Amino acid sequence: MRRFFSPLANAAAGGLMTLSLAPFNYWVCGLLSLAIFAWVMLSAGRGRTLPGRKTFALAFCYGLGLFASGASWVYVSITNFGNSSVPLGLALTGSFVAIMALLLAAPFYFLGRFTDNKFSFALAFAALWFISEWLRSWAFTGFPWLFAGYGHTETWLAGWAPVLSVYGIGLLLAFTGAVLALAVSGRLSPLKRRGPIVLLAAALAPWPIGAALSQVEWTTAQGPLISVGLVQANIPQEKKWLPEFRGETISRYQEGTRALSDRDVDVIIWPEAALPMLYRQAPNLMQALQRNAESTDIDLITGILYDTRDPARGSVSIHNSAAVFGQNPSVYHKRHLVPFGEYVPLEDFIRGTIEFFNLPTSFIRSGPDEQSPLRAAGASWAPLICYEIVYPQLVADSAQSSQILLTISNDAWFGASIGPLQHMQMAQMRALETGRYLVRGTNTGVTAIVDPKGHIVKQLPQFERATMSGDIRAMRGATPFMLGGISLVFALALPMLALALFLRRRVEPQPNAPINGELSD
């Protein structure tokens, strides 16, 4: 049984990380998760060697536990709304979990190359954790979900978000966890020499420093208060695209808009693909929305599928878009699409093989990389549709030319799972990283307004038809992360790896001295 202890312990540690994230928010579970992960990796050593295949396998087990628990909503989306059978849903979800676990584990294959002593282990473990999260943010178009830092929107470490983003918080947390693992395993003897004391101090210092950074105002308010209204229509996903339900959908949004107009708001937000039709299929409705916005002096921003035509080729491209009606009409086309939900990879080969590959919105085309911010209520808005909000660098780049973050989404795809609450927490982190107000409009929740410190100041309950209004401010200025991006985290992680490698070569190995003295097969 002892041979199964380490893999099972790591899988359990991965599941523990999920408890640090929304909706559970037990942030200490994230620290314990990484400490157990590091402790199990220490136990993989024989002498002063950490075998690559063994560290990779153990990290893979950690990833299985993390994604099987934290991304369980994938199964809900596939079976409830992808019209897949239970066996097929389990197979597809299991494949997804395994692929993500492989990506998480890949950097840890090299852990033994950088460490053979306690100092180098803590440095290398933390740096490789960051590289693992970074790898998952772009491989196979990226799935930057379940990052360790998201559990710290309300802790002292939140102060690091405007500087090092969620990536940097994860790195610092992993370093603390690795040192904690060393301490528990008896590898630190603070009373005997100065080195362990320095290591402990370095692991603890980011926490009070983060608390101090939380007091820094990286951005400042500009202009008058802007009153924002949001309509949450609560359209059932299974009815959303039915032609016979189209009238009811439009009616719900129009009624919500009339209610908000009485509150003297400056701009009204409808969620992603709020109108179940193509933009050019309903010219009379589009003209009516524009006339109403002009006559009431209330701008409207709505999600809609926007069709662009190429007469020369005789083709039509359909985009998942956000359109502004009012004083400055404009359109934004979503840039980062969701595989299978908005487009089908290898479409010529797998389209039509199973019903899941024929979802009603899986024909979307991405918009151009360079697009201007939207203008509404006298301010510039960075539009981010659904999945785009989970990409830290994309949001930071968009915020450079914008004063407010706007994200619209249809999280009905997640059902009553933990997915929408995780999605909301990631949006909070984006506000914190950029020092901007964030307005989030959704179909079924979570519809909310977030302040520049990442705090939810107002929100609607999930799965209810409702409207909400609140005040925000346009913000000017830039956070360090907006200016330096993820290169700031690399500027910390790469020297950590270099120092780990230096210490590994500098410290003379002692024959038969295990790195851990903990578990053995």
Protein backbone atom coordinates (compact mmCIF):
# COMPACT_ATOMS: atom_id res chain seq x y z
CA MET A 1 0.00 0.00 0.00
CA ARG A 2 2.88 2.39 0.63
CA ARG A 3 3.62 2.60 -3.08
CA PHE A 4 0.16 4.15 -3.62
CA PHE A 5 0.44 6.63 -0.77
CA SER A 6 2.33 9.36 -2.64
CA PRO A 7 0.10 9.37 -5.77
CA LEU A 8 -3.06 9.37 -3.67
CA ALA A 9 -1.72 12.07 -1.36
CA ASN A 10 -0.94 14.26 -4.36
CA ALA A 11 -4.35 13.68 -5.95
CA ALA A 12 -5.96 14.65 -2.63
CA ALA A 13 -3.74 17.74 -2.49
CA GLY A 14 -4.95 18.74 -5.96
CA GLY A 15 -8.54 18.46 -4.79
CA LEU A 16 -7.66 20.54 -1.74
CA MET A 17 -6.64 23.42 -4.03
CA THR A 18 -10.22 23.57 -5.36
CA LEU A 19 -11.44 24.34 -1.83
CA SER A 20 -9.32 27.52 -1.81
CA LEU A 21 -11.23 28.88 -4.81
CA ALA A 22 -14.79 30.08 -5.28
CA PRO A 23 -17.34 29.19 -4.08
CA PHE A 24 -15.55 27.67 -1.07
CA ASN A 25 -12.86 30.33 -0.57
CA TYR A 26 -10.88 28.55 2.16
CA TRP A 27 -7.63 30.23 1.13
CA VAL A 28 -5.52 28.27 3.60
CA CYS A 29 -6.41 25.10 1.67
CA GLY A 30 -4.39 26.42 -1.26
CA LEU A 31 -1.31 26.85 0.90
CA LEU A 32 -1.76 23.40 2.43
CA SER A 33 -2.31 21.94 -1.04
CA LEU A 34 1.01 23.25 -2.33
CA ALA A 35 2.80 22.27 0.90
CA ILE A 36 1.57 18.67 0.56
CA PHE A 37 2.47 18.68 -3.12
CA ALA A 38 5.99 19.84 -2.29
CA TRP A 39 6.30 17.36 0.59
CA VAL A 40 5.32 14.46 -1.67
CA MET A 41 7.86 15.60 -4.26
CA LEU A 42 10.51 15.66 -1.56
CA SER A 43 9.63 12.07 -0.74
CA ALA A 44 10.32 11.07 -4.34
CA GLY A 45 14.07 11.55 -3.82
CA ARG A 46 16.66 8.84 -3.47
CA GLY A 47 19.90 10.19 -2.14
CA ARG A 48 20.05 13.68 -3.56
CA THR A 49 18.31 12.77 -6.81
CA LEU A 50 14.74 13.59 -7.77
CA PRO A 51 13.99 11.27 -10.74
CA GLY A 52 12.24 13.14 -13.54
CA ARG A 53 9.80 10.37 -14.40
CA LYS A 54 8.75 10.06 -10.78
CA THR A 55 8.28 13.79 -10.19
CA PHE A 56 6.32 14.02 -13.45
CA ALA A 57 4.05 11.12 -12.45
CA LEU A 58 3.42 12.58 -9.01
CA ALA A 59 2.67 16.02 -10.47
CA PHE A 60 0.29 14.34 -12.93
CA CYS A 61 -1.60 12.81 -10.00
CA TYR A 62 -1.83 16.27 -8.44
CA GLY A 63 -3.27 17.60 -11.69
CA LEU A 64 -5.85 14.81 -11.86
CA GLY A 65 -7.09 15.73 -8.40
CA LEU A 66 -7.16 19.45 -9.22
CA PHE A 67 -9.01 19.28 -12.52
CA ALA A 68 -11.34 16.40 -11.66
CA SER A 69 -12.63 18.44 -8.74
CA GLY A 70 -12.19 22.04 -9.88
CA ALA A 71 -13.31 21.61 -13.50
CA SER A 72 -16.16 19.20 -12.82
CA TRP A 73 -18.47 21.70 -14.51
CA VAL A 74 -17.05 20.58 -17.88
CA TYR A 75 -19.12 17.41 -17.51
CA VAL A 76 -22.23 19.51 -16.83
CA SER A 77 -21.68 21.54 -20.01
CA ILE A 78 -21.03 18.48 -22.17
CA THR A 79 -23.94 16.34 -20.98
CA ASN A 80 -26.62 18.91 -20.10
CA PHE A 81 -26.12 21.28 -23.03
CA GLY A 82 -23.88 19.36 -25.44
CA ASN A 83 -26.47 16.60 -25.83
CA SER A 84 -23.94 13.89 -24.99
CA SER A 85 -24.68 10.62 -23.25
CA VAL A 86 -23.35 9.98 -19.75
CA PRO A 87 -20.63 7.54 -20.94
CA LEU A 88 -19.50 9.93 -23.68
CA GLY A 89 -19.61 12.86 -21.25
CA LEU A 90 -17.44 10.96 -18.79
CA ALA A 91 -15.00 9.98 -21.55
CA LEU A 92 -14.68 13.53 -22.90
CA THR A 93 -14.37 15.05 -19.42
CA GLY A 94 -11.83 12.43 -18.39
CA SER A 95 -9.77 13.14 -21.51
CA PHE A 96 -9.86 16.85 -20.80
CA VAL A 97 -8.79 16.33 -17.17
CA ALA A 98 -5.93 14.06 -18.24
CA ILE A 99 -4.65 16.55 -20.85
CA MET A 100 -4.70 19.42 -18.37
CA ALA A 101 -2.95 17.25 -15.75
CA LEU A 102 -0.22 16.44 -18.29
CA LEU A 103 0.32 20.14 -18.96
CA LEU A 104 0.52 20.87 -15.24
CA ALA A 105 3.02 18.04 -14.72
CA ALA A 106 5.32 18.74 -17.67
CA PRO A 107 7.60 21.37 -16.02
CA PHE A 108 8.04 19.24 -12.89
CA TYR A 109 9.84 16.58 -14.91
CA PHE A 110 12.83 18.91 -14.63
CA LEU A 111 12.59 19.51 -10.89
CA GLY A 112 15.55 17.22 -10.16
CA ARG A 113 17.73 19.13 -12.64
CA PHE A 114 17.56 22.23 -10.45
CA THR A 115 17.68 20.89 -6.93
CA ASP A 116 19.52 18.58 -4.58
CA ASN A 117 19.25 20.59 -1.34
CA LYS A 118 16.63 22.46 0.65
CA PHE A 119 17.47 25.93 -0.65
CA SER A 120 17.38 25.03 -4.32
CA PHE A 121 14.26 22.88 -3.89
CA ALA A 122 12.09 25.75 -2.60
CA LEU A 123 13.27 28.08 -5.37
CA ALA A 124 12.84 25.53 -8.17
CA PHE A 125 9.47 24.25 -6.97
CA ALA A 126 7.96 27.76 -6.91
CA ALA A 127 9.41 28.77 -10.29
CA LEU A 128 8.24 25.56 -11.96
CA TRP A 129 4.77 26.06 -10.50
CA PHE A 130 4.61 29.43 -12.23
CA ILE A 131 5.84 27.91 -15.51
CA SER A 132 3.17 25.23 -15.18
CA GLU A 133 0.41 27.85 -14.84
CA TRP A 134 1.86 29.92 -17.66
CA LEU A 135 2.01 26.84 -19.92
CA ARG A 136 -1.66 26.13 -19.28
CA SER A 137 -2.54 29.71 -20.25
CA TRP A 138 -1.64 29.22 -23.91
CA ALA A 139 -1.16 25.51 -24.79
CA PHE A 140 -4.00 24.27 -27.01
CA THR A 141 -5.34 27.87 -27.06
CA GLY A 142 -5.13 27.97 -23.24
CA PHE A 143 -7.17 27.07 -20.18
CA PRO A 144 -5.99 29.52 -17.49
CA TRP A 145 -8.42 28.18 -14.91
CA LEU A 146 -7.84 27.03 -11.30
CA PHE A 147 -4.71 29.13 -10.72
CA ALA A 148 -3.56 29.12 -7.10
CA GLY A 149 -3.58 32.91 -6.85
CA TYR A 150 -7.33 33.18 -7.38
CA GLY A 151 -7.91 32.06 -3.82
CA HIS A 152 -6.26 35.28 -2.59
CA THR A 153 -8.45 38.11 -3.84
CA GLU A 154 -9.15 38.93 -0.18
CA THR A 155 -5.86 38.06 1.59
CA TRP A 156 -2.64 39.99 2.12
CA LEU A 157 -1.23 38.49 -1.06
CA ALA A 158 -3.87 40.38 -3.06
CA GLY A 159 -1.59 43.41 -2.87
CA TRP A 160 0.76 41.68 -5.31
CA ALA A 161 -1.91 41.39 -8.04
CA PRO A 162 -1.33 44.86 -9.57
CA VAL A 163 2.40 44.12 -9.62
CA LEU A 164 2.82 40.43 -10.48
CA SER A 165 -0.76 39.38 -11.35
CA VAL A 166 -2.36 36.09 -10.38
CA TYR A 167 0.74 34.33 -11.74
CA GLY A 168 3.02 36.06 -9.26
CA ILE A 169 0.69 35.36 -6.35
CA GLY A 170 0.78 31.68 -7.26
CA LEU A 171 4.58 31.72 -7.40
CA LEU A 172 4.86 33.34 -3.98
CA LEU A 173 2.31 30.94 -2.53
CA ALA A 174 4.18 27.95 -3.96
CA PHE A 175 7.42 29.21 -2.43
CA THR A 176 5.77 29.52 0.98
CA GLY A 177 4.31 26.04 0.58
CA ALA A 178 7.67 24.54 -0.35
CA VAL A 179 9.39 26.07 2.67
CA LEU A 180 6.54 24.84 4.87
CA ALA A 181 7.09 21.33 3.47
CA LEU A 182 10.80 21.57 4.23
CA ALA A 183 10.04 22.66 7.78
CA VAL A 184 7.55 19.85 8.38
CA SER A 185 9.98 17.28 6.98
CA GLY A 186 12.66 18.44 9.42
CA ARG A 187 14.96 19.85 6.78
CA LEU A 188 15.15 23.29 8.41
CA SER A 189 17.12 23.78 11.62
CA PRO A 190 16.94 27.52 12.30
CA LEU A 191 18.95 27.36 15.50
CA LYS A 192 22.00 25.77 13.87
CA ARG A 193 22.76 28.13 11.01
CA ARG A 194 21.66 31.32 9.31
CA GLY A 195 20.57 29.82 5.97
CA PRO A 196 17.27 28.31 7.10
CA ILE A 197 16.36 31.54 8.88
CA VAL A 198 16.88 33.45 5.63
CA LEU A 199 14.75 30.90 3.79
CA LEU A 200 11.92 31.18 6.31
CA ALA A 201 12.06 34.97 6.22
CA ALA A 202 11.96 34.98 2.42
CA ALA A 203 8.91 32.70 2.46
CA LEU A 204 7.00 34.82 4.97
CA ALA A 205 8.01 38.29 3.77
CA PRO A 206 5.66 38.44 0.73
CA TRP A 207 2.63 38.35 3.02
CA PRO A 208 3.19 41.60 4.99
CA ILE A 209 4.68 43.21 1.89
CA GLY A 210 1.47 42.30 0.05
CA ALA A 211 -0.57 43.90 2.83
CA ALA A 212 1.45 47.09 2.42
CA LEU A 213 1.05 47.02 -1.37
CA SER A 214 -2.72 46.77 -0.92
CA GLN A 215 -2.67 50.34 0.38
CA VAL A 216 -1.08 51.71 -2.81
CA GLU A 217 -3.45 53.50 -5.19
CA TRP A 218 -2.02 52.61 -8.59
CA THR A 219 -4.84 54.34 -10.51
CA THR A 220 -7.06 57.36 -9.85
CA ALA A 221 -10.68 58.19 -10.62
CA GLN A 222 -11.42 60.52 -13.50
CA GLY A 223 -14.60 62.39 -14.31
CA PRO A 224 -18.07 62.15 -12.73
CA LEU A 225 -19.84 59.07 -11.44
CA ILE A 226 -21.27 56.83 -14.14
CA SER A 227 -24.54 55.07 -13.35
CA VAL A 228 -24.64 51.59 -14.89
CA GLY A 229 -27.73 49.42 -15.33
CA LEU A 230 -27.58 45.66 -15.96
CA VAL A 231 -30.32 43.33 -17.18
CA GLN A 232 -30.15 39.66 -16.14
CA ALA A 233 -32.91 38.02 -18.20
CA ASN A 234 -32.34 34.44 -16.97
CA ILE A 235 -33.04 32.83 -20.35
CA PRO A 236 -32.90 29.00 -20.09
CA GLN A 237 -30.04 27.71 -22.24
CA GLU A 238 -32.20 24.98 -23.76
CA LYS A 239 -34.67 27.64 -25.01
CA LYS A 240 -32.24 30.39 -25.95
CA TRP A 241 -31.96 29.59 -29.66
CA LEU A 242 -35.51 28.34 -30.24
CA PRO A 243 -37.29 30.56 -32.81
CA GLU A 244 -40.54 30.35 -30.84
CA PHE A 245 -38.82 31.77 -27.73
CA ARG A 246 -37.24 34.72 -29.53
CA GLY A 247 -40.12 37.08 -28.79
CA GLU A 248 -40.02 36.26 -25.08
CA THR A 249 -36.27 36.89 -24.99
CA ILE A 250 -36.57 40.33 -26.60
CA SER A 251 -39.48 41.18 -24.31
CA ARG A 252 -37.48 40.38 -21.17
CA TYR A 253 -34.63 42.66 -22.18
CA GLN A 254 -36.92 45.48 -23.24
CA GLU A 255 -38.85 45.33 -19.95
CA GLY A 256 -35.61 45.35 -17.96
CA THR A 257 -34.38 48.31 -19.99
CA ARG A 258 -37.55 50.31 -19.35
CA ALA A 259 -37.24 49.65 -15.61
CA LEU A 260 -33.64 50.85 -15.59
CA SER A 261 -34.44 53.94 -17.67
CA ASP A 262 -36.62 55.14 -14.80
CA ARG A 263 -33.55 55.05 -12.52
CA ASP A 264 -31.72 57.67 -14.59
CA VAL A 265 -28.78 55.45 -15.56
CA ASP A 266 -26.15 56.49 -18.10
CA VAL A 267 -25.58 53.13 -19.78
CA ILE A 268 -27.39 49.78 -19.84
CA ILE A 269 -25.64 46.43 -20.29
CA TRP A 270 -27.16 43.31 -21.83
CA PRO A 271 -25.12 40.06 -21.65
CA GLU A 272 -23.30 37.95 -24.23
CA ALA A 273 -25.41 37.03 -27.28
CA ALA A 274 -28.43 38.55 -25.54
CA LEU A 275 -30.32 38.77 -28.82
CA PRO A 276 -30.71 35.28 -30.39
CA MET A 277 -30.28 36.44 -33.96
CA LEU A 278 -27.71 37.80 -36.37
CA TYR A 279 -27.18 41.55 -36.36
CA ARG A 280 -28.12 42.00 -40.00
CA GLN A 281 -31.12 39.69 -39.75
CA ALA A 282 -33.03 42.22 -37.69
CA PRO A 283 -32.38 45.72 -39.11
CA ASN A 284 -35.68 47.11 -37.77
CA LEU A 285 -34.83 46.00 -34.22
CA MET A 286 -31.29 47.41 -34.47
CA GLN A 287 -32.63 50.75 -35.69
CA ALA A 288 -35.18 50.80 -32.86
CA LEU A 289 -32.45 50.17 -30.27
CA GLN A 290 -30.40 53.04 -31.73
CA ARG A 291 -33.37 55.43 -31.75
CA ASN A 292 -34.26 54.55 -28.18
CA ALA A 293 -30.67 55.11 -27.00
CA GLU A 294 -30.57 58.51 -28.68
CA SER A 295 -33.98 59.65 -27.45
CA THR A 296 -33.37 58.64 -23.82
CA ASP A 297 -29.69 59.65 -23.84
CA ILE A 298 -28.90 56.23 -22.34
CA ASP A 299 -26.30 54.19 -24.19
CA LEU A 300 -26.86 50.44 -24.62
CA ILE A 301 -24.15 47.79 -24.88
CA THR A 302 -25.34 44.33 -25.84
CA GLY A 303 -23.88 41.04 -26.89
CA ILE A 304 -24.97 39.83 -30.32
CA LEU A 305 -23.83 37.55 -33.12
CA TYR A 306 -22.56 39.91 -35.80
CA ASP A 307 -22.40 38.83 -39.44
CA THR A 308 -19.89 40.39 -41.80
CA ARG A 309 -20.11 39.69 -45.51
CA ASP A 310 -17.38 39.47 -48.13
CA PRO A 311 -19.03 40.14 -51.53
CA ALA A 312 -15.84 39.27 -53.42
CA ARG A 313 -15.73 35.77 -51.94
CA GLY A 314 -19.44 35.41 -51.42
CA SER A 315 -18.84 34.35 -47.84
CA VAL A 316 -20.22 35.33 -44.45
CA SER A 317 -18.23 35.43 -41.20
CA ILE A 318 -20.08 35.38 -37.90
CA HIS A 319 -18.54 36.92 -34.78
CA ASN A 320 -19.44 36.85 -31.11
CA SER A 321 -19.65 40.59 -30.60
CA ALA A 322 -20.53 43.48 -28.32
CA ALA A 323 -22.38 46.37 -29.97
CA VAL A 324 -22.91 49.91 -28.68
CA PHE A 325 -26.11 51.80 -29.47
CA GLY A 326 -26.17 55.51 -28.64
CA GLN A 327 -23.94 58.52 -29.16
CA ASN A 328 -20.94 56.46 -30.35
CA PRO A 329 -22.19 53.32 -32.15
CA SER A 330 -19.46 50.73 -32.53
CA VAL A 331 -18.84 46.99 -32.47
CA TYR A 332 -16.22 44.75 -30.88
CA HIS A 333 -15.58 41.20 -32.12
CA LYS A 334 -14.40 38.59 -29.64
CA ARG A 335 -10.75 37.64 -30.20
CA HIS A 336 -10.16 34.56 -28.04
CA LEU A 337 -12.68 31.83 -28.81
CA VAL A 338 -13.68 28.75 -26.83
CA PRO A 339 -12.76 25.46 -28.54
CA PHE A 340 -15.84 23.37 -29.43
CA GLY A 341 -18.18 25.97 -27.90
CA GLU A 342 -17.43 28.64 -30.55
CA TYR A 343 -15.33 26.82 -33.11
CA VAL A 344 -14.39 23.22 -33.82
CA PRO A 345 -10.65 22.43 -34.08
CA LEU A 346 -9.87 20.20 -37.08
CA GLU A 347 -13.38 20.99 -38.26
CA ASP A 348 -13.09 19.13 -41.57
CA PHE A 349 -12.34 15.89 -39.73
CA ILE A 350 -14.54 15.87 -36.64
CA ARG A 351 -17.52 18.11 -37.42
CA GLY A 352 -20.62 15.93 -37.34
CA THR A 353 -19.03 12.84 -35.80
CA ILE A 354 -20.95 13.37 -32.56
CA GLU A 355 -23.62 15.90 -31.61
CA PHE A 356 -21.28 17.68 -29.19
CA PHE A 357 -19.26 18.91 -32.19
CA ASN A 358 -22.38 20.54 -33.68
CA LEU A 359 -23.27 23.05 -30.97
CA PRO A 360 -25.38 25.97 -32.30
CA THR A 361 -22.64 28.55 -31.79
CA SER A 362 -19.62 26.48 -32.91
CA PHE A 363 -19.19 28.39 -36.17
CA ILE A 364 -17.82 31.67 -34.75
CA ARG A 365 -14.81 33.45 -36.26
CA SER A 366 -12.36 35.45 -34.16
CA GLY A 367 -12.05 39.20 -34.50
CA PRO A 368 -8.84 41.11 -35.29
CA ASP A 369 -6.21 41.41 -32.57
CA GLU A 370 -6.15 45.21 -32.70
CA GLN A 371 -9.52 46.77 -31.92
CA SER A 372 -10.47 50.10 -30.39
CA PRO A 373 -12.20 50.28 -27.02
CA LEU A 374 -15.93 50.92 -26.95
CA ARG A 375 -17.19 54.41 -26.08
CA ALA A 376 -20.25 54.77 -23.88
CA ALA A 377 -21.41 57.20 -21.17
CA GLY A 378 -18.43 59.44 -21.91
CA ALA A 379 -15.83 56.77 -21.06
CA SER A 380 -13.78 54.13 -22.86
CA TRP A 381 -14.61 50.49 -22.10
CA ALA A 382 -12.43 47.41 -22.63
CA PRO A 383 -14.90 44.75 -23.87
CA LEU A 384 -14.13 41.16 -22.90
CA ILE A 385 -16.62 38.51 -23.88
CA CYS A 386 -17.01 35.48 -21.63
CA TYR A 387 -13.80 33.40 -21.74
CA GLU A 388 -11.61 36.41 -22.59
CA ILE A 389 -11.75 37.68 -19.01
CA VAL A 390 -9.69 34.71 -17.76
CA TYR A 391 -6.57 35.78 -19.69
CA PRO A 392 -4.52 38.18 -17.52
CA GLN A 393 -2.27 39.50 -20.27
CA LEU A 394 -5.12 40.04 -22.73
CA VAL A 395 -7.06 42.05 -20.17
CA ALA A 396 -4.00 44.06 -19.10
CA ASP A 397 -3.29 44.95 -22.72
CA SER A 398 -6.92 45.95 -23.30
CA ALA A 399 -6.92 48.11 -20.18
CA GLN A 400 -4.03 50.20 -21.52
CA SER A 401 -6.39 52.23 -23.70
CA SER A 402 -9.53 51.89 -21.56
CA GLN A 403 -10.90 53.34 -18.35
CA ILE A 404 -13.41 50.61 -17.44
CA LEU A 405 -13.43 46.83 -17.86
CA LEU A 406 -16.62 45.32 -19.29
CA THR A 407 -17.20 41.59 -19.43
CA ILE A 408 -20.40 40.05 -20.74
CA SER A 409 -21.09 36.34 -20.51
CA ASN A 410 -23.69 33.61 -20.75
CA ASP A 411 -22.78 31.25 -17.92
CA ALA A 412 -25.98 29.25 -18.38
CA TRP A 413 -23.65 26.72 -20.06
CA PHE A 414 -22.27 25.89 -16.61
CA GLY A 415 -25.67 25.10 -15.10
CA ALA A 416 -25.82 25.16 -11.30
CA SER A 417 -22.17 24.08 -11.00
CA ILE A 418 -19.23 25.87 -9.38
CA GLY A 419 -18.12 27.17 -12.80
CA PRO A 420 -19.93 30.55 -12.79
CA LEU A 421 -18.61 31.41 -9.32
CA GLN A 422 -15.05 30.56 -10.36
CA HIS A 423 -15.56 32.70 -13.47
CA MET A 424 -16.71 35.61 -11.29
CA GLN A 425 -13.66 35.29 -9.05
CA MET A 426 -11.34 35.48 -12.04
CA ALA A 427 -13.07 38.67 -13.15
CA GLN A 428 -12.45 40.11 -9.68
CA MET A 429 -8.74 39.40 -10.09
CA ARG A 430 -8.68 41.25 -13.43
CA ALA A 431 -10.09 44.37 -11.78
CA LEU A 432 -7.43 44.09 -9.09
CA GLU A 433 -4.60 43.59 -11.60
CA THR A 434 -5.57 46.65 -13.64
CA GLY A 435 -6.90 49.01 -10.97
CA ARG A 436 -10.16 49.50 -12.82
CA TYR A 437 -13.84 49.10 -12.14
CA LEU A 438 -15.24 45.99 -13.75
CA VAL A 439 -18.84 45.63 -14.89
CA ARG A 440 -20.04 42.07 -15.48
CA GLY A 441 -23.31 41.42 -17.29
CA THR A 442 -24.59 37.84 -17.56
CA ASN A 443 -27.70 35.93 -18.56
CA THR A 444 -28.11 33.80 -15.41
CA GLY A 445 -25.42 35.20 -13.07
CA VAL A 446 -23.13 36.22 -11.62
CA THR A 447 -24.03 39.79 -12.68
CA ALA A 448 -21.94 42.21 -10.63
CA ILE A 449 -19.95 45.42 -10.28
CA VAL A 450 -16.38 45.13 -8.96
CA ASP A 451 -14.25 48.00 -7.66
CA PRO A 452 -10.54 48.55 -8.53
CA LYS A 453 -9.50 46.62 -5.40
CA GLY A 454 -11.28 43.51 -6.61
CA HIS A 455 -14.20 43.77 -4.19
CA ILE A 456 -17.74 43.01 -5.36
CA VAL A 457 -19.72 46.13 -4.49
CA LYS A 458 -23.04 44.95 -5.89
CA GLN A 459 -24.38 41.76 -7.46
CA LEU A 460 -27.55 39.95 -8.45
CA PRO A 461 -28.49 36.46 -7.25
CA GLN A 462 -28.02 33.65 -9.75
CA PHE A 463 -30.85 32.14 -11.77
CA GLU A 464 -33.25 35.02 -11.18
CA ARG A 465 -34.72 37.46 -13.66
CA ALA A 466 -33.67 40.86 -12.31
CA THR A 467 -32.11 44.25 -12.97
CA MET A 468 -29.46 46.16 -11.06
CA SER A 469 -27.94 49.63 -11.12
CA GLY A 470 -24.81 51.00 -9.50
CA ASP A 471 -22.19 53.73 -9.75
CA ILE A 472 -18.70 53.37 -11.13
CA ARG A 473 -15.84 55.71 -12.07
CA ALA A 474 -13.59 55.90 -15.09
CA MET A 475 -10.01 55.23 -13.94
CA ARG A 476 -6.75 56.52 -15.34
CA GLY A 477 -3.18 55.39 -14.83
CA ALA A 478 -1.58 51.98 -15.05
CA THR A 479 -0.50 49.27 -12.65
CA PRO A 480 3.00 47.75 -12.89
CA PHE A 481 1.48 44.58 -14.38
CA MET A 482 -0.22 46.60 -17.11
CA LEU A 483 3.14 48.14 -18.01
CA GLY A 484 5.40 45.11 -17.65
CA GLY A 485 3.01 42.22 -18.15
CA ILE A 486 3.97 38.65 -17.47
CA SER A 487 7.63 39.51 -18.14
CA LEU A 488 7.72 40.84 -14.56
CA VAL A 489 6.91 37.35 -13.26
CA PHE A 490 9.51 35.80 -15.54
CA ALA A 491 11.99 38.37 -14.20
CA LEU A 492 11.42 36.78 -10.79
CA ALA A 493 11.03 33.12 -11.78
CA LEU A 494 14.04 32.76 -14.07
CA PRO A 495 16.57 34.13 -11.53
CA MET A 496 15.03 31.76 -8.99
CA LEU A 497 15.75 28.83 -11.32
CA ALA A 498 19.25 30.15 -12.02
CA LEU A 499 19.96 30.51 -8.29
CA ALA A 500 18.59 27.02 -7.65
CA LEU A 501 20.92 25.62 -10.30
CA PHE A 502 23.86 27.56 -8.84
CA LEU A 503 23.15 26.29 -5.33
CA ARG A 504 22.77 22.74 -6.61
CA ARG A 505 26.24 22.83 -8.10
CA ARG A 506 27.78 24.76 -5.22
CA VAL A 507 26.63 22.52 -2.38
CA GLU A 508 28.80 19.44 -2.22
CA PRO A 509 26.63 16.29 -2.09
CA GLN A 510 26.94 14.09 0.97
CA PRO A 511 26.87 10.39 0.05
CA ASN A 512 23.64 8.60 0.99
CA ALA A 513 22.10 11.77 2.50
CA PRO A 514 18.44 11.75 1.39
CA ILE A 515 16.85 15.04 0.52
CA ASN A 516 13.87 14.30 2.67
CA GLY A 517 14.25 11.43 5.07
CA GLU A 518 10.50 10.96 4.81
CA LEU A 519 8.93 8.22 2.71
CA SER A 520 10.58 5.43 0.79
CA ASP A 521 9.21 2.66 -1.36
